[in-house]
C-alpha atoms as a PDB file:
ATOM      1  CA  MET A   1     110.076 113.134 103.771  1.00  0.00           C
ATOM      2  CA  VAL A   2     109.096 109.473 104.387  1.00  0.00           C
ATOM      3  CA  ALA A   3     106.141 107.670 105.549  1.00  0.00           C
ATOM      4  CA  ALA A   4     105.509 104.009 105.989  1.00  0.00           C
ATOM      5  CA  GLY A   5     102.346 101.969 106.606  1.00  0.00           C
ATOM      6  CA  TRP A   6     101.715  98.529 107.439  1.00  0.00           C
ATOM      7  CA  GLY A   7     103.253  97.211 103.747  1.00  0.00           C
ATOM      8  CA  HIS A   8     103.732 100.513 101.937  1.00  0.00           C
ATOM      9  CA  SER A   9     106.039 103.477 101.977  1.00  0.00           C
ATOM     10  CA  LEU A  10     105.755 107.025 100.518  1.00  0.00           C
ATOM     11  CA  ALA A  11     108.606 109.691 100.127  1.00  0.00           C
ATOM     12  CA  LEU A  12     108.194 113.232  99.350  1.00  0.00           C
ATOM     13  CA  THR A  13     110.566 115.054  97.091  1.00  0.00           C
ATOM     14  CA  ASP A  14     111.703 118.445  97.343  1.00  0.00           C
ATOM     15  CA  ASN A  15     109.278 119.685  94.390  1.00  0.00           C
ATOM     16  CA  GLY A  16     106.358 118.083  96.044  1.00  0.00           C
ATOM     17  CA  ALA A  17     106.031 115.240  94.155  1.00  0.00           C
ATOM     18  CA  ILE A  18     104.894 111.795  96.048  1.00  0.00           C
ATOM     19  CA  TYR A  19     106.324 108.439  95.028  1.00  0.00           C
ATOM     20  CA  GLY A  20     105.087 105.054  96.485  1.00  0.00           C
ATOM     21  CA  TRP A  21     106.056 101.326  96.677  1.00  0.00           C
ATOM     22  CA  GLY A  22     104.835  98.310  98.355  1.00  0.00           C
ATOM     23  CA  TRP A  23     101.388  96.900  98.698  1.00  0.00           C
ATOM     24  CA  THR A  24      98.827  98.315  96.827  1.00  0.00           C
ATOM     25  CA  ASN A  25      95.745  96.100  97.651  1.00  0.00           C
ATOM     26  CA  ASP A  26      93.261  98.717  99.167  1.00  0.00           C
ATOM     27  CA  GLY A  27      94.532 101.551  96.729  1.00  0.00           C
ATOM     28  CA  GLN A  28      97.063 103.029  98.991  1.00  0.00           C
ATOM     29  CA  LEU A  29      99.508 103.734  96.396  1.00  0.00           C
ATOM     30  CA  GLY A  30      96.847 105.528  94.411  1.00  0.00           C
ATOM     31  CA  SER A  31      96.114 104.812  90.469  1.00  0.00           C
ATOM     32  CA  ILE A  32     100.055 103.376  90.371  1.00  0.00           C
ATOM     33  CA  SER A  33      98.705  99.763  89.802  1.00  0.00           C
ATOM     34  CA  ASN A  34      95.310  98.419  89.839  1.00  0.00           C
ATOM     35  CA  GLU A  35      96.506  94.527  90.321  1.00  0.00           C
ATOM     36  CA  LYS A  36      95.500  94.070  94.078  1.00  0.00           C
ATOM     37  CA  ASP A  37      97.752  91.034  94.674  1.00  0.00           C
ATOM     38  CA  LYS A  38     100.835  92.552  92.962  1.00  0.00           C
ATOM     39  CA  PRO A  39     103.064  94.797  94.912  1.00  0.00           C
ATOM     40  CA  VAL A  40     105.073  97.708  93.252  1.00  0.00           C
ATOM     41  CA  PRO A  41     108.611  96.750  93.738  1.00  0.00           C
ATOM     42  CA  LEU A  42     109.931 100.173  93.023  1.00  0.00           C
ATOM     43  CA  PRO A  43     109.041 103.751  93.633  1.00  0.00           C
ATOM     44  CA  LYS A  44     106.543 104.979  91.301  1.00  0.00           C
ATOM     45  CA  GLU A  45     105.273 108.636  91.613  1.00  0.00           C
ATOM     46  CA  ILE A  46     101.500 108.908  92.709  1.00  0.00           C
ATOM     47  CA  SER A  47      99.517 111.264  90.524  1.00  0.00           C
ATOM     48  CA  MET A  48      97.557 113.847  92.739  1.00  0.00           C
ATOM     49  CA  GLU A  49      94.867 113.695  89.845  1.00  0.00           C
ATOM     50  CA  GLN A  50      93.565 117.395  90.526  1.00  0.00           C
ATOM     51  CA  PRO A  51      96.202 119.698  88.930  1.00  0.00           C
ATOM     52  CA  GLU A  52      96.245 122.246  91.959  1.00  0.00           C
ATOM     53  CA  PHE A  53      97.654 119.512  94.061  1.00  0.00           C
ATOM     54  CA  SER A  54     100.507 118.861  92.061  1.00  0.00           C
ATOM     55  CA  GLY A  55     103.702 120.270  92.927  1.00  0.00           C
ATOM     56  CA  ASN A  56     101.814 121.750  96.130  1.00  0.00           C
ATOM     57  CA  ILE A  57     102.360 119.023  98.664  1.00  0.00           C
ATOM     58  CA  VAL A  58     104.206 119.715 101.749  1.00  0.00           C
ATOM     59  CA  GLY A  59     103.476 116.737 104.161  1.00  0.00           C
ATOM     60  CA  ILE A  60     102.870 112.828 103.641  1.00  0.00           C
ATOM     61  CA  TYR A  61     101.481 110.252 106.000  1.00  0.00           C
ATOM     62  CA  ALA A  62     100.793 106.679 106.160  1.00  0.00           C
ATOM     63  CA  GLY A  63      98.116 104.546 108.146  1.00  0.00           C
ATOM     64  CA  SER A  64      98.261 100.724 107.906  1.00  0.00           C
ATOM     65  CA  ASP A  65      96.612 100.718 104.403  1.00  0.00           C
ATOM     66  CA  TYR A  66      95.888 104.357 103.582  1.00  0.00           C
ATOM     67  CA  SER A  67      97.686 107.423 102.731  1.00  0.00           C
ATOM     68  CA  MET A  68      97.549 111.140 103.050  1.00  0.00           C
ATOM     69  CA  SER A  69      99.067 114.332 101.823  1.00  0.00           C
ATOM     70  CA  LEU A  70      98.900 117.851 102.945  1.00  0.00           C
ATOM     71  CA  THR A  71      99.096 120.733 100.625  1.00  0.00           C
ATOM     72  CA  ARG A  72     100.821 124.085 101.336  1.00  0.00           C
ATOM     73  CA  ASP A  73      97.685 126.011 102.319  1.00  0.00           C
ATOM     74  CA  GLY A  74      96.592 122.891 104.746  1.00  0.00           C
ATOM     75  CA  ARG A  75      94.136 120.980 102.696  1.00  0.00           C
ATOM     76  CA  LEU A  76      94.143 117.212 103.555  1.00  0.00           C
ATOM     77  CA  ILE A  77      94.136 114.640 100.715  1.00  0.00           C
ATOM     78  CA  SER A  78      93.411 111.009 101.526  1.00  0.00           C
ATOM     79  CA  TRP A  79      93.054 107.778  99.689  1.00  0.00           C
ATOM     80  CA  GLY A  80      93.488 103.688 100.041  1.00  0.00           C
ATOM     81  CA  SER A  81      91.252 101.742 102.569  1.00  0.00           C
ATOM     82  CA  GLY A  82      88.407 103.514 103.907  1.00  0.00           C
ATOM     83  CA  GLU A  83      86.973 100.227 105.668  1.00  0.00           C
ATOM     84  CA  PHE A  84      86.445 102.447 109.182  1.00  0.00           C
ATOM     85  CA  GLY A  85      86.065 105.861 107.791  1.00  0.00           C
ATOM     86  CA  GLN A  86      89.765 106.666 108.175  1.00  0.00           C
ATOM     87  CA  LEU A  87      89.829 108.562 104.796  1.00  0.00           C
ATOM     88  CA  GLY A  88      87.046 111.239 106.195  1.00  0.00           C
ATOM     89  CA  HIS A  89      84.940 111.242 103.001  1.00  0.00           C
ATOM     90  CA  GLY A  90      81.805 110.191 105.119  1.00  0.00           C
ATOM     91  CA  ASP A  91      81.582 106.646 103.817  1.00  0.00           C
ATOM     92  CA  CYS A  92      83.709 103.452 104.330  1.00  0.00           C
ATOM     93  CA  GLN A  93      84.815 102.850 100.538  1.00  0.00           C
ATOM     94  CA  HIS A  94      88.312 102.234  99.313  1.00  0.00           C
ATOM     95  CA  SER A  95      89.335 104.614  96.909  1.00  0.00           C
ATOM     96  CA  ASN A  96      92.389 104.710  94.656  1.00  0.00           C
ATOM     97  CA  THR A  97      92.021 108.318  93.832  1.00  0.00           C
ATOM     98  CA  PRO A  98      93.589 110.993  96.236  1.00  0.00           C
ATOM     99  CA  THR A  99      90.635 113.292  97.033  1.00  0.00           C
ATOM    100  CA  ALA A 100      90.786 116.259  99.449  1.00  0.00           C
ATOM    101  CA  ILE A 101      88.689 116.317 102.824  1.00  0.00           C
ATOM    102  CA  ASN A 102      85.937 118.618 102.308  1.00  0.00           C
ATOM    103  CA  GLY A 103      85.440 121.710 104.696  1.00  0.00           C
ATOM    104  CA  PHE A 104      89.015 121.639 106.224  1.00  0.00           C
ATOM    105  CA  GLU A 105      91.526 124.122 104.658  1.00  0.00           C
ATOM    106  CA  ALA A 106      93.738 124.961 107.448  1.00  0.00           C
ATOM    107  CA  ILE A 107      95.209 121.866 108.778  1.00  0.00           C
ATOM    108  CA  ARG A 108      98.688 122.329 110.337  1.00  0.00           C
ATOM    109  CA  PHE A 109      99.335 118.655 111.778  1.00  0.00           C
ATOM    110  CA  VAL A 110      98.331 115.100 111.096  1.00  0.00           C
ATOM    111  CA  SER A 111      98.946 111.833 112.428  1.00  0.00           C
ATOM    112  CA  CYS A 112      97.837 108.417 110.971  1.00  0.00           C
ATOM    113  CA  GLY A 113      97.408 105.139 113.328  1.00  0.00           C
ATOM    114  CA  PHE A 114      96.735 101.876 112.367  1.00  0.00           C
ATOM    115  CA  SER A 115      93.113 102.883 110.948  1.00  0.00           C
ATOM    116  CA  HIS A 116      92.249 106.162 112.578  1.00  0.00           C
ATOM    117  CA  THR A 117      93.453 109.671 112.021  1.00  0.00           C
ATOM    118  CA  MET A 118      93.994 112.743 113.950  1.00  0.00           C
ATOM    119  CA  ILE A 119      94.478 116.142 112.624  1.00  0.00           C
ATOM    120  CA  ILE A 120      94.788 119.704 114.311  1.00  0.00           C
ATOM    121  CA  ASP A 121      93.687 122.777 112.738  1.00  0.00           C
ATOM    122  CA  SER A 122      95.013 126.242 112.752  1.00  0.00           C
ATOM    123  CA  LYS A 123      93.257 127.035 115.877  1.00  0.00           C
ATOM    124  CA  GLY A 124      94.894 124.299 117.763  1.00  0.00           C
ATOM    125  CA  ASP A 125      91.655 122.235 117.980  1.00  0.00           C
ATOM    126  CA  LEU A 126      91.787 118.273 117.283  1.00  0.00           C
ATOM    127  CA  TYR A 127      89.475 116.393 114.819  1.00  0.00           C
ATOM    128  CA  THR A 128      89.629 112.634 114.761  1.00  0.00           C
ATOM    129  CA  PHE A 129      88.192 110.064 112.478  1.00  0.00           C
ATOM    130  CA  GLY A 130      88.273 106.198 111.443  1.00  0.00           C
ATOM    131  CA  TRP A 131      88.253 103.130 113.799  1.00  0.00           C
ATOM    132  CA  ASN A 132      87.197 103.708 117.049  1.00  0.00           C
ATOM    133  CA  GLY A 133      87.236 100.056 118.754  1.00  0.00           C
ATOM    134  CA  SER A 134      88.972 101.125 121.918  1.00  0.00           C
ATOM    135  CA  GLY A 135      88.036 104.942 122.073  1.00  0.00           C
ATOM    136  CA  GLN A 136      91.153 106.023 120.498  1.00  0.00           C
ATOM    137  CA  LEU A 137      88.780 108.819 118.749  1.00  0.00           C
ATOM    138  CA  GLY A 138      88.669 110.475 122.369  1.00  0.00           C
ATOM    139  CA  LEU A 139      85.057 111.011 121.695  1.00  0.00           C
ATOM    140  CA  GLY A 140      83.415 109.390 124.647  1.00  0.00           C
ATOM    141  CA  ASP A 141      82.419 106.192 122.925  1.00  0.00           C
ATOM    142  CA  LYS A 142      83.594 103.386 120.845  1.00  0.00           C
ATOM    143  CA  SER A 143      81.649 104.214 117.319  1.00  0.00           C
ATOM    144  CA  ASN A 144      83.457 104.613 114.261  1.00  0.00           C
ATOM    145  CA  ARG A 145      83.449 108.103 112.448  1.00  0.00           C
ATOM    146  CA  SER A 146      83.792 108.616 108.946  1.00  0.00           C
ATOM    147  CA  VAL A 147      84.247 112.375 109.040  1.00  0.00           C
ATOM    148  CA  PRO A 148      86.528 114.907 111.143  1.00  0.00           C
ATOM    149  CA  THR A 149      84.916 115.200 114.392  1.00  0.00           C
ATOM    150  CA  LEU A 150      85.957 117.663 117.094  1.00  0.00           C
ATOM    151  CA  VAL A 151      87.429 116.589 120.279  1.00  0.00           C
ATOM    152  CA  ASP A 152      86.005 118.771 123.292  1.00  0.00           C
ATOM    153  CA  PRO A 153      88.849 121.353 123.699  1.00  0.00           C
ATOM    154  CA  MET A 154      88.159 121.427 127.227  1.00  0.00           C
ATOM    155  CA  LEU A 155      89.354 118.006 127.710  1.00  0.00           C
ATOM    156  CA  PHE A 156      92.755 119.619 127.062  1.00  0.00           C
ATOM    157  CA  CYS A 157      91.990 122.093 129.757  1.00  0.00           C
ATOM    158  CA  GLY A 158      91.264 124.460 127.011  1.00  0.00           C
ATOM    159  CA  GLU A 159      94.576 124.631 125.626  1.00  0.00           C
ATOM    160  CA  LYS A 160      95.895 124.537 122.033  1.00  0.00           C
ATOM    161  CA  LEU A 161      97.305 121.195 120.696  1.00  0.00           C
ATOM    162  CA  LYS A 162     100.867 121.067 119.539  1.00  0.00           C
ATOM    163  CA  MET A 163     101.046 117.894 117.878  1.00  0.00           C
ATOM    164  CA  VAL A 164      99.503 114.597 118.247  1.00  0.00           C
ATOM    165  CA  ALA A 165     100.441 110.391 117.649  1.00  0.00           C
ATOM    166  CA  ALA A 166      98.347 108.030 116.652  1.00  0.00           C
ATOM    167  CA  GLY A 167      98.922 104.282 117.512  1.00  0.00           C
ATOM    168  CA  ARG A 168      97.229 100.754 116.660  1.00  0.00           C
ATOM    169  CA  ALA A 169      94.438 101.645 119.229  1.00  0.00           C
ATOM    170  CA  HIS A 170      95.690 104.436 121.262  1.00  0.00           C
ATOM    171  CA  SER A 171      96.317 108.057 121.030  1.00  0.00           C
ATOM    172  CA  VAL A 172      98.647 110.764 122.634  1.00  0.00           C
ATOM    173  CA  ALA A 173      98.491 114.639 122.580  1.00  0.00           C
ATOM    174  CA  LEU A 174     100.780 116.969 123.650  1.00  0.00           C
ATOM    175  CA  THR A 175      99.598 120.899 124.438  1.00  0.00           C
ATOM    176  CA  GLU A 176     101.457 123.856 123.486  1.00  0.00           C
ATOM    177  CA  SER A 177     102.450 124.331 127.402  1.00  0.00           C
ATOM    178  CA  GLY A 178     103.712 120.812 127.460  1.00  0.00           C
ATOM    179  CA  ARG A 179     100.738 118.954 128.963  1.00  0.00           C
ATOM    180  CA  LEU A 180     100.582 115.213 127.867  1.00  0.00           C
ATOM    181  CA  PHE A 181      97.338 113.317 127.484  1.00  0.00           C
ATOM    182  CA  THR A 182      96.797 109.652 126.493  1.00  0.00           C
ATOM    183  CA  TRP A 183      93.565 107.808 125.574  1.00  0.00           C
ATOM    184  CA  GLY A 184      92.192 104.609 123.944  1.00  0.00           C
ATOM    185  CA  SER A 185      93.543 101.025 124.414  1.00  0.00           C
ATOM    186  CA  GLY A 186      95.846 100.558 127.593  1.00  0.00           C
ATOM    187  CA  SER A 187      96.882  97.153 127.164  1.00  0.00           C
ATOM    188  CA  LYS A 188     100.637  96.557 127.663  1.00  0.00           C
ATOM    189  CA  GLY A 189     100.671  99.575 129.405  1.00  0.00           C
ATOM    190  CA  LYS A 190     101.160 102.114 126.591  1.00  0.00           C
ATOM    191  CA  LEU A 191      98.968 104.698 127.913  1.00  0.00           C
ATOM    192  CA  GLY A 192     101.564 105.601 130.647  1.00  0.00           C
ATOM    193  CA  ASN A 193      99.355 105.595 133.666  1.00  0.00           C
ATOM    194  CA  GLY A 194     100.318 102.537 135.566  1.00  0.00           C
ATOM    195  CA  ASP A 195      97.729 100.352 133.927  1.00  0.00           C
ATOM    196  CA  THR A 196      97.976  97.367 131.655  1.00  0.00           C
ATOM    197  CA  SER A 197      94.570  96.717 130.675  1.00  0.00           C
ATOM    198  CA  ASN A 198      92.012  99.588 130.811  1.00  0.00           C
ATOM    199  CA  GLU A 199      90.437 101.987 127.981  1.00  0.00           C
ATOM    200  CA  LEU A 200      89.865 105.519 128.193  1.00  0.00           C
ATOM    201  CA  LEU A 201      87.351 106.986 126.239  1.00  0.00           C
ATOM    202  CA  VAL A 202      88.584 110.472 126.252  1.00  0.00           C
ATOM    203  CA  PRO A 203      91.710 112.366 126.567  1.00  0.00           C
ATOM    204  CA  THR A 204      93.463 111.911 130.310  1.00  0.00           C
ATOM    205  CA  GLN A 205      96.120 113.978 131.360  1.00  0.00           C
ATOM    206  CA  LEU A 206      99.245 111.920 132.374  1.00  0.00           C
ATOM    207  CA  TYR A 207     100.404 114.194 135.161  1.00  0.00           C
ATOM    208  CA  ASP A 208      99.880 117.371 136.221  1.00  0.00           C
ATOM    209  CA  ILE A 209     102.361 120.101 135.488  1.00  0.00           C
ATOM    210  CA  ASP A 210     103.906 121.971 138.415  1.00  0.00           C
ATOM    211  CA  GLU A 211     106.522 124.615 137.445  1.00  0.00           C
ATOM    212  CA  ASN A 212     107.687 124.941 140.907  1.00  0.00           C
ATOM    213  CA  GLN A 213     108.971 121.335 140.822  1.00  0.00           C
ATOM    214  CA  ILE A 214     111.968 120.521 139.243  1.00  0.00           C
ATOM    215  CA  GLU A 215     111.188 116.949 139.119  1.00  0.00           C
ATOM    216  CA  THR A 216     108.327 117.440 136.848  1.00  0.00           C
ATOM    217  CA  PRO A 217     109.793 116.700 133.377  1.00  0.00           C
ATOM    218  CA  LYS A 218     108.476 119.090 130.632  1.00  0.00           C
ATOM    219  CA  VAL A 219     107.416 116.843 127.312  1.00  0.00           C
ATOM    220  CA  VAL A 220     108.564 118.596 124.170  1.00  0.00           C
ATOM    221  CA  ASN A 221     107.866 115.511 121.500  1.00  0.00           C
ATOM    222  CA  ILE A 222     105.816 112.532 121.180  1.00  0.00           C
ATOM    223  CA  ALA A 223     105.619 109.558 119.118  1.00  0.00           C
ATOM    224  CA  THR A 224     103.706 106.182 118.961  1.00  0.00           C
ATOM    225  CA  GLY A 225     104.405 102.732 117.450  1.00  0.00           C
ATOM    226  CA  PHE A 226     101.944  99.663 117.194  1.00  0.00           C
ATOM    227  CA  ASP A 227     101.724  99.080 120.973  1.00  0.00           C
ATOM    228  CA  HIS A 228     103.803 101.417 122.739  1.00  0.00           C
ATOM    229  CA  THR A 229     104.510 105.425 123.384  1.00  0.00           C
ATOM    230  CA  LEU A 230     107.621 107.373 123.418  1.00  0.00           C
ATOM    231  CA  ILE A 231     108.119 110.833 124.755  1.00  0.00           C
ATOM    232  CA  GLN A 232     110.932 113.036 124.733  1.00  0.00           C
ATOM    233  CA  THR A 233     111.515 115.760 127.349  1.00  0.00           C
ATOM    234  CA  LYS A 234     113.367 118.973 127.848  1.00  0.00           C
ATOM    235  CA  SER A 235     116.422 118.434 130.433  1.00  0.00           C
ATOM    236  CA  ILE A 236     115.743 119.566 133.744  1.00  0.00           C
ATOM    237  CA  ILE A 237     119.800 120.091 134.505  1.00  0.00           C
END
């Protein structure tokens, strides 16, 4: 498994070790290097600091200048830039020490945007934190959050979420039944609702599912870039 941020890269080996290279100015490579202006040109192992996490990592994720990893039992670990609260530790401090986010031990899906993070727990509920300048946290306002905050499940028609994708300033979610939701910045048309300038502060369904109409595609996968969105649909032929 690999993950790439704005200027750093991560790789996860089969035995659960994490390697990183690239920029390290905000601690996104952990304790590999303390020289802020000196990039790491070759992959080096990132120490998980806490022994119980070593070799127990099953997922890695990279935001613009921060990093995360997920343990086998669903604990989320973060390090790097915390400027907007995107590390989830209740402050806005940078850290080069991988630290588990308190209170969450059953995370099953993670997506890191430019400076905001979205996680789905074992119940299918969505929590968001970090930068919220365009409402990309889906909480109905533009205030940043420094701890994981529950997005109202009823905004997703009460359905469990299958996956989420975080862009620079927008977010996308897919429910287990295939309902697609977008929110945050709509500049450049990335919310897919026909507008190129609006902002949506809460998750908004992109289109209604009608199982009786063959023209309605079933979305099975989603992805976001800096300012664009991709969806994969199931063939209706």
